Structures are given as C-alpha cells and as structure tokens.
Amino acid sequence: MIKIYKHQIKAYITVLFVTMLLSALFIISAHNNAESEQTYEMTDHQLTSEPVQSEQYNVKTEGNSEHEHQPVIAAVK
C-alpha cells in the first residue's frame, strides 16, 4: 500500500520543487528589474524647434452653429 503512495508522493514533490524553483526565479528576476532603470530611446522621432500648425489647432467658428443662444417662446394650451 505504501508503494502505491510513494509513486504519487514523488510526483507531488517533483511538482512542488519545480513550482518553487520557477517562483524563486520569477521573484529574483522581478527584484533585479526593479533595481535597474529602464531607458527608452527615441530614435525614430525628431523634435523640431518650430511647432507644426495642424488642423486641430486651427479653430474656425461659424455663424450658423446649433450651439448659439437663441430666444425660445413656449406656448401652453
């Protein structure tokens, strides 16, 4: 009866050790990454000193907007 359980116990202990090993590697990796500063390079973007005028900055107001304030008279029958 113990021989049957030895086979199951070996499998459970193996899974336990592998899980502990992977968890330890993850924690060590996270600790090392937390201590190092991540740098980002902007190689494909160039900043110019002159701002680019695009359509989103050019606001044109039209006189026939639905948001204008117009007087309204309400009639009650």
N, C-alpha and C. Protein backbone atom coordinates (compact mmCIF):
# COMPACT_ATOMS: atom_id res chain seq x y z
N MET A 1 0.83 -1.19 0.00
CA MET A 1 0.00 0.00 0.00
C MET A 1 0.87 1.25 0.00
N ILE A 2 1.96 1.23 0.72
CA ILE A 2 2.86 2.39 0.76
C ILE A 2 3.55 2.58 -0.58
N LYS A 3 3.80 1.48 -1.32
CA LYS A 3 4.44 1.60 -2.63
C LYS A 3 3.56 2.40 -3.60
N ILE A 4 2.26 2.25 -3.50
CA ILE A 4 1.35 3.00 -4.36
C ILE A 4 1.45 4.49 -4.04
N TYR A 5 1.48 4.80 -2.76
CA TYR A 5 1.56 6.20 -2.35
C TYR A 5 2.92 6.81 -2.64
N LYS A 6 3.98 6.02 -2.65
CA LYS A 6 5.32 6.54 -2.96
C LYS A 6 5.36 7.12 -4.38
N HIS A 7 4.71 6.46 -5.30
CA HIS A 7 4.69 6.94 -6.68
C HIS A 7 3.95 8.28 -6.76
N GLN A 8 2.84 8.42 -6.05
CA GLN A 8 2.09 9.67 -6.06
C GLN A 8 2.85 10.76 -5.32
N ILE A 9 3.48 10.40 -4.21
CA ILE A 9 4.22 11.38 -3.41
C ILE A 9 5.41 11.91 -4.21
N LYS A 10 6.10 11.05 -4.95
CA LYS A 10 7.22 11.50 -5.77
C LYS A 10 6.75 12.51 -6.82
N ALA A 11 5.60 12.27 -7.42
CA ALA A 11 5.08 13.19 -8.43
C ALA A 11 4.71 14.53 -7.79
N TYR A 12 4.07 14.48 -6.64
CA TYR A 12 3.68 15.73 -5.97
C TYR A 12 4.90 16.53 -5.51
N ILE A 13 5.91 15.84 -4.99
CA ILE A 13 7.12 16.52 -4.53
C ILE A 13 7.87 17.12 -5.73
N THR A 14 7.90 16.41 -6.85
CA THR A 14 8.55 16.94 -8.04
C THR A 14 7.85 18.21 -8.52
N VAL A 15 6.53 18.17 -8.57
CA VAL A 15 5.76 19.35 -8.99
C VAL A 15 5.98 20.49 -8.00
N LEU A 16 6.04 20.19 -6.72
CA LEU A 16 6.27 21.21 -5.70
C LEU A 16 7.64 21.87 -5.89
N PHE A 17 8.68 21.09 -6.10
CA PHE A 17 10.02 21.65 -6.27
C PHE A 17 10.14 22.48 -7.55
N VAL A 18 9.52 21.99 -8.63
CA VAL A 18 9.57 22.75 -9.88
C VAL A 18 8.82 24.07 -9.72
N THR A 19 7.69 24.05 -9.05
CA THR A 19 6.93 25.27 -8.81
C THR A 19 7.72 26.24 -7.94
N MET A 20 8.36 25.73 -6.90
CA MET A 20 9.17 26.58 -6.04
C MET A 20 10.35 27.18 -6.80
N LEU A 21 10.97 26.40 -7.67
CA LEU A 21 12.10 26.89 -8.46
C LEU A 21 11.66 27.99 -9.42
N LEU A 22 10.56 27.78 -10.12
CA LEU A 22 10.06 28.80 -11.04
C LEU A 22 9.62 30.07 -10.31
N SER A 23 9.01 29.91 -9.16
CA SER A 23 8.60 31.07 -8.36
C SER A 23 9.82 31.85 -7.89
N ALA A 24 10.85 31.15 -7.44
CA ALA A 24 12.07 31.82 -6.99
C ALA A 24 12.74 32.56 -8.14
N LEU A 25 12.78 31.94 -9.33
CA LEU A 25 13.36 32.63 -10.49
C LEU A 25 12.57 33.87 -10.85
N PHE A 26 11.26 33.80 -10.78
CA PHE A 26 10.43 34.96 -11.08
C PHE A 26 10.67 36.09 -10.08
N ILE A 27 10.73 35.76 -8.80
CA ILE A 27 10.94 36.79 -7.77
C ILE A 27 12.32 37.42 -7.91
N ILE A 28 13.34 36.62 -8.18
CA ILE A 28 14.69 37.16 -8.36
C ILE A 28 14.74 38.05 -9.60
N SER A 29 14.10 37.63 -10.66
CA SER A 29 14.07 38.44 -11.88
C SER A 29 13.33 39.75 -11.65
N ALA A 30 12.21 39.72 -10.95
CA ALA A 30 11.47 40.94 -10.66
C ALA A 30 12.28 41.87 -9.76
N HIS A 31 13.01 41.31 -8.82
CA HIS A 31 13.84 42.13 -7.93
C HIS A 31 14.97 42.81 -8.72
N ASN A 32 15.60 42.08 -9.61
CA ASN A 32 16.68 42.66 -10.42
C ASN A 32 16.15 43.75 -11.35
N ASN A 33 14.98 43.53 -11.93
CA ASN A 33 14.40 44.54 -12.82
C ASN A 33 13.94 45.77 -12.06
N ALA A 34 13.54 45.61 -10.81
CA ALA A 34 13.10 46.76 -10.01
C ALA A 34 14.28 47.66 -9.65
N GLU A 35 15.45 47.09 -9.54
CA GLU A 35 16.62 47.88 -9.16
C GLU A 35 17.28 48.57 -10.34
N SER A 36 16.99 48.15 -11.56
CA SER A 36 17.61 48.78 -12.72
C SER A 36 16.63 49.77 -13.34
N GLU A 37 17.20 50.83 -13.90
CA GLU A 37 16.38 51.85 -14.52
C GLU A 37 16.20 51.52 -15.99
N GLN A 38 14.97 51.56 -16.45
CA GLN A 38 14.70 51.27 -17.84
C GLN A 38 14.81 52.56 -18.64
N THR A 39 15.56 52.52 -19.71
CA THR A 39 15.71 53.70 -20.56
C THR A 39 15.03 53.44 -21.89
N TYR A 40 14.46 54.48 -22.41
CA TYR A 40 13.78 54.39 -23.69
C TYR A 40 14.46 55.35 -24.66
N GLU A 41 14.73 54.88 -25.85
CA GLU A 41 15.36 55.71 -26.86
C GLU A 41 14.33 56.15 -27.87
N MET A 42 14.43 57.40 -28.25
CA MET A 42 13.55 57.93 -29.29
C MET A 42 14.37 58.09 -30.55
N THR A 43 14.56 57.02 -31.27
CA THR A 43 15.41 57.08 -32.45
C THR A 43 14.64 57.48 -33.70
N ASP A 44 13.36 57.15 -33.74
CA ASP A 44 12.63 57.43 -34.96
C ASP A 44 11.81 58.72 -34.87
N HIS A 45 11.91 59.46 -33.78
CA HIS A 45 11.20 60.72 -33.62
C HIS A 45 12.20 61.84 -33.47
N GLN A 46 11.98 62.90 -34.20
CA GLN A 46 12.84 64.06 -34.07
C GLN A 46 11.99 65.25 -33.65
N LEU A 47 12.46 65.98 -32.65
CA LEU A 47 11.76 67.15 -32.18
C LEU A 47 12.31 68.37 -32.90
N THR A 48 11.42 69.20 -33.39
CA THR A 48 11.84 70.43 -34.06
C THR A 48 11.56 71.60 -33.15
N SER A 49 12.27 72.68 -33.39
CA SER A 49 12.08 73.86 -32.55
C SER A 49 10.84 74.65 -32.96
N GLU A 50 10.36 74.48 -34.21
CA GLU A 50 9.17 75.18 -34.68
C GLU A 50 7.95 74.27 -34.52
N PRO A 51 6.91 74.77 -33.88
CA PRO A 51 5.72 73.94 -33.74
C PRO A 51 5.00 73.83 -35.08
N VAL A 52 4.45 72.68 -35.33
CA VAL A 52 3.73 72.42 -36.58
C VAL A 52 2.27 72.80 -36.36
N GLN A 53 1.78 73.67 -37.23
CA GLN A 53 0.38 74.07 -37.14
C GLN A 53 -0.48 73.05 -37.86
N SER A 54 -1.29 72.37 -37.13
CA SER A 54 -2.15 71.36 -37.74
C SER A 54 -3.59 71.82 -37.65
N GLU A 55 -4.47 71.05 -38.23
CA GLU A 55 -5.87 71.43 -38.28
C GLU A 55 -6.53 71.41 -36.90
N GLN A 56 -6.01 70.63 -36.00
CA GLN A 56 -6.66 70.56 -34.69
C GLN A 56 -6.46 71.83 -33.89
N TYR A 57 -5.44 72.63 -34.22
CA TYR A 57 -5.20 73.88 -33.51
C TYR A 57 -5.90 75.06 -34.19
N ASN A 58 -6.30 74.91 -35.42
CA ASN A 58 -6.99 75.97 -36.13
C ASN A 58 -8.49 75.81 -35.94
N VAL A 59 -9.05 76.61 -35.05
CA VAL A 59 -10.47 76.52 -34.74
C VAL A 59 -11.18 77.63 -35.49
N LYS A 60 -12.14 77.25 -36.31
CA LYS A 60 -12.93 78.22 -37.06
C LYS A 60 -14.35 78.20 -36.51
N THR A 61 -14.85 79.36 -36.18
CA THR A 61 -16.22 79.45 -35.68
C THR A 61 -17.12 79.90 -36.81
N GLU A 62 -18.21 79.23 -36.97
CA GLU A 62 -19.18 79.57 -37.99
C GLU A 62 -20.38 80.22 -37.33
N GLY A 63 -21.01 81.09 -38.05
CA GLY A 63 -22.14 81.82 -37.51
C GLY A 63 -23.40 80.98 -37.38
N ASN A 64 -23.55 79.92 -38.12
CA ASN A 64 -24.78 79.12 -38.08
C ASN A 64 -24.59 77.83 -37.29
N SER A 65 -24.20 77.98 -36.06
CA SER A 65 -23.98 76.82 -35.21
C SER A 65 -25.25 76.52 -34.42
N GLU A 66 -25.50 75.28 -34.12
CA GLU A 66 -26.66 74.93 -33.32
C GLU A 66 -26.47 75.23 -31.84
N HIS A 67 -25.27 75.61 -31.46
CA HIS A 67 -24.98 75.89 -30.06
C HIS A 67 -25.10 77.36 -29.71
N GLU A 68 -25.56 78.18 -30.64
CA GLU A 68 -25.76 79.59 -30.34
C GLU A 68 -27.01 79.76 -29.48
N HIS A 69 -27.00 80.80 -28.67
CA HIS A 69 -28.13 81.07 -27.81
C HIS A 69 -29.19 81.84 -28.60
N GLN A 70 -30.37 81.27 -28.70
CA GLN A 70 -31.47 81.90 -29.40
C GLN A 70 -32.68 81.93 -28.45
N PRO A 71 -33.41 83.00 -28.48
CA PRO A 71 -34.58 83.07 -27.59
C PRO A 71 -35.67 82.09 -28.03
N VAL A 72 -36.31 81.47 -27.07
CA VAL A 72 -37.34 80.48 -27.34
C VAL A 72 -38.60 80.87 -26.55
N ILE A 73 -39.75 80.82 -27.22
CA ILE A 73 -41.00 81.13 -26.55
C ILE A 73 -41.82 79.85 -26.49
N ALA A 74 -42.30 79.54 -25.28
CA ALA A 74 -43.11 78.34 -25.09
C ALA A 74 -44.57 78.73 -24.99
N ALA A 75 -45.42 78.04 -25.70
CA ALA A 75 -46.85 78.31 -25.66
C ALA A 75 -47.56 77.15 -24.97
N VAL A 76 -48.48 77.46 -24.06
CA VAL A 76 -49.22 76.45 -23.32
C VAL A 76 -50.67 76.54 -23.74
N LYS A 77 -51.32 75.44 -24.09
CA LYS A 77 -52.73 75.45 -24.50
C LYS A 77 -53.60 74.97 -23.38
